[in-house]
Amino acid sequence: MEIKSQLYKTYCRPILTYRCEAKKINRTLLRKIKSTESTIIKKSLGLSKRSKTTNLLHALNIAPTEDTLKLRKLAFAKRLENNVFTRKLVNKIIEESEISRKKLNKNSLIAEFNELLDDEPRSIEEIKMKRLHLKC
């Protein structure tokens, strides 16, 4: 069981969540990812489709999909922030969105990063400060 769980976490989940950190995930897509995830796990263990997925994930020590996606998105934001060129680009996008803050597209990645970090629009510098406070 532990080996199958480790194989899933190492190979299957990264394939399922590939590119998810760079795009807005809506409920429909999240539901499809979770459904595919549960099907893969159940088939690999030889269980029926009607088995409870939540208890199974907990028993196999597999983190919920939402948590994994949030962590990957925050790690992606950190990588963007650490690169000089992407930091300038993101800051430019934020500056332009601050001019028309109410017109910020709710499907944009920046809006989702803001949502992950308290639902308040903020700049990259503010995101840095928030991360520093979380580390302390």
N, C-alpha and C. Protein backbone atom coordinates (compact mmCIF):
# COMPACT_ATOMS: atom_id res chain seq x y z
N MET A 1 0.82 -1.20 0.00
CA MET A 1 0.00 0.00 0.00
C MET A 1 0.86 1.26 0.00
N GLU A 2 1.92 1.26 0.84
CA GLU A 2 2.79 2.44 0.91
C GLU A 2 3.51 2.68 -0.41
N ILE A 3 3.93 1.61 -1.06
CA ILE A 3 4.63 1.75 -2.33
C ILE A 3 3.69 2.30 -3.40
N LYS A 4 2.46 1.81 -3.45
CA LYS A 4 1.50 2.32 -4.43
C LYS A 4 1.17 3.78 -4.15
N SER A 5 1.05 4.12 -2.88
CA SER A 5 0.80 5.51 -2.51
C SER A 5 1.96 6.40 -2.95
N GLN A 6 3.17 5.95 -2.70
CA GLN A 6 4.35 6.72 -3.08
C GLN A 6 4.46 6.85 -4.60
N LEU A 7 4.17 5.78 -5.32
CA LEU A 7 4.18 5.83 -6.78
C LEU A 7 3.16 6.84 -7.31
N TYR A 8 1.98 6.84 -6.69
CA TYR A 8 0.95 7.79 -7.11
C TYR A 8 1.43 9.22 -6.88
N LYS A 9 1.97 9.50 -5.67
CA LYS A 9 2.42 10.85 -5.35
C LYS A 9 3.59 11.29 -6.22
N THR A 10 4.43 10.34 -6.61
CA THR A 10 5.63 10.67 -7.38
C THR A 10 5.35 10.82 -8.87
N TYR A 11 4.52 9.95 -9.42
CA TYR A 11 4.31 9.94 -10.87
C TYR A 11 2.95 10.45 -11.33
N CYS A 12 1.89 9.97 -10.73
CA CYS A 12 0.55 10.29 -11.23
C CYS A 12 0.11 11.72 -10.91
N ARG A 13 0.24 12.13 -9.65
CA ARG A 13 -0.24 13.46 -9.27
C ARG A 13 0.47 14.57 -10.04
N PRO A 14 1.79 14.52 -10.21
CA PRO A 14 2.43 15.59 -11.01
C PRO A 14 1.91 15.64 -12.45
N ILE A 15 1.59 14.48 -13.02
CA ILE A 15 1.06 14.46 -14.38
C ILE A 15 -0.35 15.06 -14.40
N LEU A 16 -1.17 14.73 -13.41
CA LEU A 16 -2.53 15.27 -13.33
C LEU A 16 -2.54 16.78 -13.12
N THR A 17 -1.61 17.28 -12.35
CA THR A 17 -1.60 18.70 -12.01
C THR A 17 -0.60 19.51 -12.83
N TYR A 18 -0.10 18.93 -13.91
CA TYR A 18 0.85 19.63 -14.76
C TYR A 18 0.22 20.90 -15.32
N ARG A 19 0.92 22.01 -15.23
CA ARG A 19 0.50 23.33 -15.71
C ARG A 19 -0.64 23.94 -14.90
N CYS A 20 -1.08 23.30 -13.85
CA CYS A 20 -2.19 23.85 -13.06
C CYS A 20 -1.77 25.10 -12.30
N GLU A 21 -0.49 25.22 -11.97
CA GLU A 21 -0.06 26.40 -11.22
C GLU A 21 -0.07 27.66 -12.08
N ALA A 22 -0.05 27.51 -13.39
CA ALA A 22 0.02 28.67 -14.28
C ALA A 22 -1.33 29.04 -14.88
N LYS A 23 -2.40 28.45 -14.38
CA LYS A 23 -3.71 28.81 -14.90
C LYS A 23 -4.74 28.79 -13.79
N LYS A 24 -5.80 29.49 -14.01
CA LYS A 24 -6.90 29.54 -13.05
C LYS A 24 -7.66 28.22 -13.10
N ILE A 25 -7.86 27.63 -11.94
CA ILE A 25 -8.57 26.36 -11.85
C ILE A 25 -10.00 26.64 -11.41
N ASN A 26 -10.95 26.32 -12.27
CA ASN A 26 -12.35 26.50 -11.90
C ASN A 26 -12.88 25.21 -11.26
N ARG A 27 -14.08 25.27 -10.78
CA ARG A 27 -14.66 24.11 -10.07
C ARG A 27 -14.80 22.89 -10.97
N THR A 28 -15.15 23.12 -12.22
CA THR A 28 -15.33 22.00 -13.15
C THR A 28 -14.02 21.25 -13.36
N LEU A 29 -12.95 22.01 -13.62
CA LEU A 29 -11.65 21.38 -13.82
C LEU A 29 -11.17 20.68 -12.56
N LEU A 30 -11.38 21.30 -11.40
CA LEU A 30 -10.99 20.68 -10.14
C LEU A 30 -11.74 19.38 -9.92
N ARG A 31 -13.02 19.38 -10.24
CA ARG A 31 -13.83 18.16 -10.10
C ARG A 31 -13.31 17.05 -11.02
N LYS A 32 -12.92 17.41 -12.25
CA LYS A 32 -12.38 16.42 -13.19
C LYS A 32 -11.05 15.85 -12.68
N ILE A 33 -10.20 16.72 -12.14
CA ILE A 33 -8.90 16.26 -11.61
C ILE A 33 -9.13 15.30 -10.45
N LYS A 34 -10.03 15.68 -9.53
CA LYS A 34 -10.31 14.83 -8.38
C LYS A 34 -10.93 13.50 -8.78
N SER A 35 -11.80 13.53 -9.77
CA SER A 35 -12.43 12.30 -10.25
C SER A 35 -11.40 11.37 -10.88
N THR A 36 -10.55 11.93 -11.71
CA THR A 36 -9.50 11.13 -12.33
C THR A 36 -8.55 10.57 -11.28
N GLU A 37 -8.21 11.40 -10.32
CA GLU A 37 -7.34 10.99 -9.23
C GLU A 37 -7.93 9.80 -8.47
N SER A 38 -9.20 9.90 -8.11
CA SER A 38 -9.82 8.81 -7.35
C SER A 38 -9.92 7.53 -8.19
N THR A 39 -10.19 7.67 -9.48
CA THR A 39 -10.25 6.50 -10.36
C THR A 39 -8.90 5.80 -10.44
N ILE A 40 -7.84 6.56 -10.59
CA ILE A 40 -6.49 5.99 -10.67
C ILE A 40 -6.14 5.23 -9.39
N ILE A 41 -6.41 5.86 -8.26
CA ILE A 41 -6.07 5.24 -6.97
C ILE A 41 -6.88 3.96 -6.76
N LYS A 42 -8.17 4.03 -7.03
CA LYS A 42 -9.02 2.85 -6.81
C LYS A 42 -8.64 1.70 -7.73
N LYS A 43 -8.33 2.00 -8.98
CA LYS A 43 -7.95 0.94 -9.92
C LYS A 43 -6.60 0.33 -9.54
N SER A 44 -5.68 1.17 -9.07
CA SER A 44 -4.37 0.64 -8.70
C SER A 44 -4.45 -0.26 -7.47
N LEU A 45 -5.44 -0.02 -6.63
CA LEU A 45 -5.62 -0.84 -5.43
C LEU A 45 -6.64 -1.96 -5.63
N GLY A 46 -7.27 -2.00 -6.78
CA GLY A 46 -8.24 -3.05 -7.06
C GLY A 46 -9.56 -2.87 -6.34
N LEU A 47 -9.93 -1.63 -6.06
CA LEU A 47 -11.20 -1.35 -5.36
C LEU A 47 -12.27 -0.96 -6.36
N SER A 48 -13.53 -1.03 -5.90
CA SER A 48 -14.63 -0.65 -6.79
C SER A 48 -14.71 0.88 -6.89
N LYS A 49 -15.42 1.33 -7.91
CA LYS A 49 -15.58 2.77 -8.12
C LYS A 49 -16.38 3.43 -7.01
N ARG A 50 -17.16 2.66 -6.31
CA ARG A 50 -18.05 3.21 -5.29
C ARG A 50 -17.40 3.35 -3.91
N SER A 51 -16.13 3.03 -3.81
CA SER A 51 -15.41 3.20 -2.53
C SER A 51 -15.29 4.68 -2.21
N LYS A 52 -15.28 5.00 -0.93
CA LYS A 52 -15.16 6.39 -0.48
C LYS A 52 -13.74 6.90 -0.71
N THR A 53 -13.61 7.96 -1.46
CA THR A 53 -12.30 8.50 -1.83
C THR A 53 -11.64 9.24 -0.67
N THR A 54 -12.40 10.02 0.07
CA THR A 54 -11.83 10.83 1.14
C THR A 54 -11.12 9.97 2.17
N ASN A 55 -11.78 8.92 2.63
CA ASN A 55 -11.17 8.03 3.61
C ASN A 55 -9.96 7.30 3.03
N LEU A 56 -10.05 6.96 1.77
CA LEU A 56 -8.96 6.26 1.10
C LEU A 56 -7.73 7.15 1.00
N LEU A 57 -7.92 8.41 0.61
CA LEU A 57 -6.79 9.35 0.53
C LEU A 57 -6.16 9.56 1.90
N HIS A 58 -7.00 9.65 2.91
CA HIS A 58 -6.49 9.83 4.27
C HIS A 58 -5.70 8.60 4.72
N ALA A 59 -6.20 7.42 4.44
CA ALA A 59 -5.52 6.18 4.82
C ALA A 59 -4.18 6.03 4.10
N LEU A 60 -4.11 6.50 2.85
CA LEU A 60 -2.87 6.39 2.07
C LEU A 60 -1.92 7.57 2.31
N ASN A 61 -2.34 8.50 3.17
CA ASN A 61 -1.53 9.67 3.51
C ASN A 61 -1.26 10.53 2.27
N ILE A 62 -2.30 10.75 1.48
CA ILE A 62 -2.22 11.60 0.29
C ILE A 62 -2.97 12.88 0.58
N ALA A 63 -2.29 14.02 0.42
CA ALA A 63 -2.89 15.32 0.71
C ALA A 63 -4.04 15.61 -0.26
N PRO A 64 -5.05 16.35 0.19
CA PRO A 64 -6.16 16.71 -0.69
C PRO A 64 -5.67 17.50 -1.92
N THR A 65 -6.35 17.34 -3.01
CA THR A 65 -5.96 17.97 -4.27
C THR A 65 -5.92 19.49 -4.15
N GLU A 66 -6.90 20.08 -3.48
CA GLU A 66 -6.94 21.54 -3.34
C GLU A 66 -5.69 22.06 -2.64
N ASP A 67 -5.27 21.37 -1.58
CA ASP A 67 -4.08 21.79 -0.84
C ASP A 67 -2.83 21.69 -1.71
N THR A 68 -2.73 20.61 -2.46
CA THR A 68 -1.57 20.43 -3.34
C THR A 68 -1.52 21.52 -4.39
N LEU A 69 -2.67 21.84 -4.98
CA LEU A 69 -2.70 22.88 -6.00
C LEU A 69 -2.35 24.25 -5.43
N LYS A 70 -2.83 24.56 -4.22
CA LYS A 70 -2.50 25.84 -3.59
C LYS A 70 -1.01 25.94 -3.33
N LEU A 71 -0.41 24.87 -2.81
CA LEU A 71 1.03 24.89 -2.56
C LEU A 71 1.82 25.06 -3.85
N ARG A 72 1.40 24.38 -4.91
CA ARG A 72 2.10 24.51 -6.19
C ARG A 72 1.95 25.91 -6.76
N LYS A 73 0.78 26.52 -6.61
CA LYS A 73 0.58 27.89 -7.10
C LYS A 73 1.43 28.88 -6.32
N LEU A 74 1.51 28.70 -5.01
CA LEU A 74 2.34 29.61 -4.21
C LEU A 74 3.82 29.43 -4.54
N ALA A 75 4.25 28.21 -4.77
CA ALA A 75 5.65 27.97 -5.17
C ALA A 75 5.92 28.60 -6.54
N PHE A 76 4.93 28.54 -7.44
CA PHE A 76 5.07 29.17 -8.75
C PHE A 76 5.20 30.68 -8.61
N ALA A 77 4.38 31.27 -7.75
CA ALA A 77 4.45 32.72 -7.52
C ALA A 77 5.82 33.10 -6.97
N LYS A 78 6.35 32.26 -6.10
CA LYS A 78 7.68 32.53 -5.53
C LYS A 78 8.75 32.47 -6.62
N ARG A 79 8.65 31.49 -7.52
CA ARG A 79 9.62 31.40 -8.62
C ARG A 79 9.51 32.61 -9.54
N LEU A 80 8.31 33.06 -9.81
CA LEU A 80 8.12 34.26 -10.63
C LEU A 80 8.75 35.47 -9.96
N GLU A 81 8.58 35.55 -8.66
CA GLU A 81 9.09 36.68 -7.90
C GLU A 81 10.61 36.69 -7.86
N ASN A 82 11.24 35.53 -7.83
CA ASN A 82 12.69 35.45 -7.72
C ASN A 82 13.41 35.78 -9.02
N ASN A 83 12.72 35.68 -10.16
CA ASN A 83 13.32 36.01 -11.44
C ASN A 83 13.12 37.49 -11.71
N VAL A 84 14.20 38.20 -12.03
CA VAL A 84 14.14 39.65 -12.23
C VAL A 84 13.19 40.03 -13.35
N PHE A 85 13.26 39.33 -14.46
CA PHE A 85 12.44 39.68 -15.62
C PHE A 85 10.95 39.44 -15.38
N THR A 86 10.63 38.29 -14.81
CA THR A 86 9.21 38.02 -14.55
C THR A 86 8.67 38.92 -13.46
N ARG A 87 9.52 39.28 -12.49
CA ARG A 87 9.07 40.20 -11.43
C ARG A 87 8.67 41.54 -12.04
N LYS A 88 9.48 42.04 -12.99
CA LYS A 88 9.15 43.31 -13.65
C LYS A 88 7.85 43.18 -14.43
N LEU A 89 7.69 42.08 -15.12
CA LEU A 89 6.48 41.86 -15.91
C LEU A 89 5.25 41.79 -15.02
N VAL A 90 5.32 41.03 -13.94
CA VAL A 90 4.18 40.90 -13.03
C VAL A 90 3.88 42.24 -12.37
N ASN A 91 4.92 42.97 -11.97
CA ASN A 91 4.69 44.29 -11.37
C ASN A 91 4.01 45.24 -12.36
N LYS A 92 4.39 45.16 -13.63
CA LYS A 92 3.76 45.98 -14.66
C LYS A 92 2.28 45.62 -14.79
N ILE A 93 1.98 44.34 -14.78
CA ILE A 93 0.58 43.90 -14.87
C ILE A 93 -0.20 44.38 -13.65
N ILE A 94 0.41 44.30 -12.48
CA ILE A 94 -0.26 44.76 -11.25
C ILE A 94 -0.49 46.27 -11.30
N GLU A 95 0.51 47.02 -11.77
CA GLU A 95 0.35 48.47 -11.89
C GLU A 95 -0.81 48.80 -12.80
N GLU A 96 -0.89 48.13 -13.93
CA GLU A 96 -1.98 48.38 -14.86
C GLU A 96 -3.32 47.98 -14.26
N SER A 97 -3.33 46.91 -13.48
CA SER A 97 -4.59 46.49 -12.87
C SER A 97 -4.98 47.41 -11.72
N GLU A 98 -3.99 48.06 -11.08
CA GLU A 98 -4.32 49.00 -10.01
C GLU A 98 -5.00 50.24 -10.56
N ILE A 99 -4.67 50.58 -11.80
CA ILE A 99 -5.33 51.72 -12.45
C ILE A 99 -6.82 51.43 -12.56
N SER A 100 -7.15 50.21 -12.94
CA SER A 100 -8.55 49.80 -13.03
C SER A 100 -8.76 48.57 -12.18
N ARG A 101 -8.59 48.71 -10.89
CA ARG A 101 -8.64 47.59 -9.95
C ARG A 101 -9.95 46.82 -10.02
N LYS A 102 -11.03 47.51 -10.24
CA LYS A 102 -12.32 46.84 -10.29
C LYS A 102 -12.51 46.05 -11.58
N LYS A 103 -11.69 46.36 -12.57
CA LYS A 103 -11.79 45.66 -13.84
C LYS A 103 -10.87 44.46 -13.92
N LEU A 104 -10.20 44.11 -12.82
CA LEU A 104 -9.30 42.96 -12.81
C LEU A 104 -10.10 41.70 -13.12
N ASN A 105 -9.67 40.99 -14.12
CA ASN A 105 -10.37 39.79 -14.56
C ASN A 105 -10.33 38.74 -13.46
N LYS A 106 -11.47 38.26 -13.05
CA LYS A 106 -11.54 37.28 -11.97
C LYS A 106 -10.94 35.94 -12.38
N ASN A 107 -10.76 35.70 -13.66
CA ASN A 107 -10.16 34.47 -14.14
C ASN A 107 -8.65 34.58 -14.31
N SER A 108 -8.06 35.73 -13.98
CA SER A 108 -6.63 35.90 -14.16
C SER A 108 -5.86 35.21 -13.04
N LEU A 109 -4.63 34.86 -13.34
CA LEU A 109 -3.78 34.19 -12.37
C LEU A 109 -3.45 35.12 -11.21
N ILE A 110 -3.26 36.39 -11.49
CA ILE A 110 -2.95 37.36 -10.42
C ILE A 110 -4.12 37.47 -9.46
N ALA A 111 -5.33 37.45 -9.98
CA ALA A 111 -6.51 37.48 -9.11
C ALA A 111 -6.54 36.25 -8.22
N GLU A 112 -6.14 35.09 -8.76
CA GLU A 112 -6.13 33.89 -7.94
C GLU A 112 -5.03 33.93 -6.88
N PHE A 113 -3.85 34.48 -7.23
CA PHE A 113 -2.80 34.63 -6.23
C PHE A 113 -3.27 35.55 -5.10
N ASN A 114 -3.95 36.64 -5.46
CA ASN A 114 -4.50 37.53 -4.45
C ASN A 114 -5.52 36.80 -3.58
N GLU A 115 -6.33 35.96 -4.21
CA GLU A 115 -7.34 35.19 -3.49
C GLU A 115 -6.68 34.22 -2.50
N LEU A 116 -5.59 33.59 -2.94
CA LEU A 116 -4.87 32.67 -2.06
C LEU A 116 -4.24 33.39 -0.88
N LEU A 117 -3.92 34.66 -1.06
CA LEU A 117 -3.23 35.43 -0.03
C LEU A 117 -4.15 36.42 0.65
N ASP A 118 -5.37 36.06 0.96
CA ASP A 118 -6.32 36.84 1.77
C ASP A 118 -7.39 37.59 1.00
N ASP A 119 -7.56 37.39 -0.27
CA ASP A 119 -8.59 38.07 -1.05
C ASP A 119 -8.37 39.57 -1.18
N GLU A 120 -7.17 40.06 -0.92
CA GLU A 120 -6.90 41.49 -1.07
C GLU A 120 -5.94 41.70 -2.23
N PRO A 121 -6.24 42.64 -3.13
CA PRO A 121 -5.29 42.92 -4.20
C PRO A 121 -4.00 43.45 -3.60
N ARG A 122 -2.88 42.95 -4.08
CA ARG A 122 -1.59 43.37 -3.54
C ARG A 122 -0.52 43.27 -4.61
N SER A 123 0.57 43.98 -4.37
CA SER A 123 1.70 43.94 -5.30
C SER A 123 2.63 42.81 -4.91
N ILE A 124 3.64 42.58 -5.74
CA ILE A 124 4.62 41.53 -5.46
C ILE A 124 5.33 41.82 -4.14
N GLU A 125 5.63 43.10 -3.87
CA GLU A 125 6.30 43.45 -2.62
C GLU A 125 5.44 43.09 -1.41
N GLU A 126 4.14 43.33 -1.53
CA GLU A 126 3.23 42.96 -0.44
C GLU A 126 3.16 41.45 -0.27
N ILE A 127 3.20 40.72 -1.38
CA ILE A 127 3.20 39.26 -1.31
C ILE A 127 4.46 38.79 -0.59
N LYS A 128 5.60 39.42 -0.89
CA LYS A 128 6.86 39.08 -0.22
C LYS A 128 6.73 39.28 1.29
N MET A 129 6.18 40.43 1.68
CA MET A 129 6.03 40.73 3.11
C MET A 129 5.11 39.72 3.78
N LYS A 130 4.05 39.33 3.11
CA LYS A 130 3.11 38.35 3.65
C LYS A 130 3.82 37.02 3.86
N ARG A 131 4.65 36.62 2.88
CA ARG A 131 5.37 35.35 2.96
C ARG A 131 6.37 35.40 4.12
N LEU A 132 7.04 36.54 4.31
CA LEU A 132 7.99 36.67 5.42
C LEU A 132 7.28 36.53 6.77
N HIS A 133 6.10 37.09 6.87
CA HIS A 133 5.34 36.96 8.12
C HIS A 133 4.87 35.53 8.35
N LEU A 134 4.56 34.81 7.27
CA LEU A 134 4.13 33.42 7.41
C LEU A 134 5.28 32.53 7.87
N LYS A 135 6.52 32.86 7.44
CA LYS A 135 7.67 32.06 7.82
C LYS A 135 8.04 32.22 9.28
N CYS A 136 7.74 33.40 9.85
CA CYS A 136 8.11 33.68 11.25
C CYS A 136 7.25 32.98 12.24
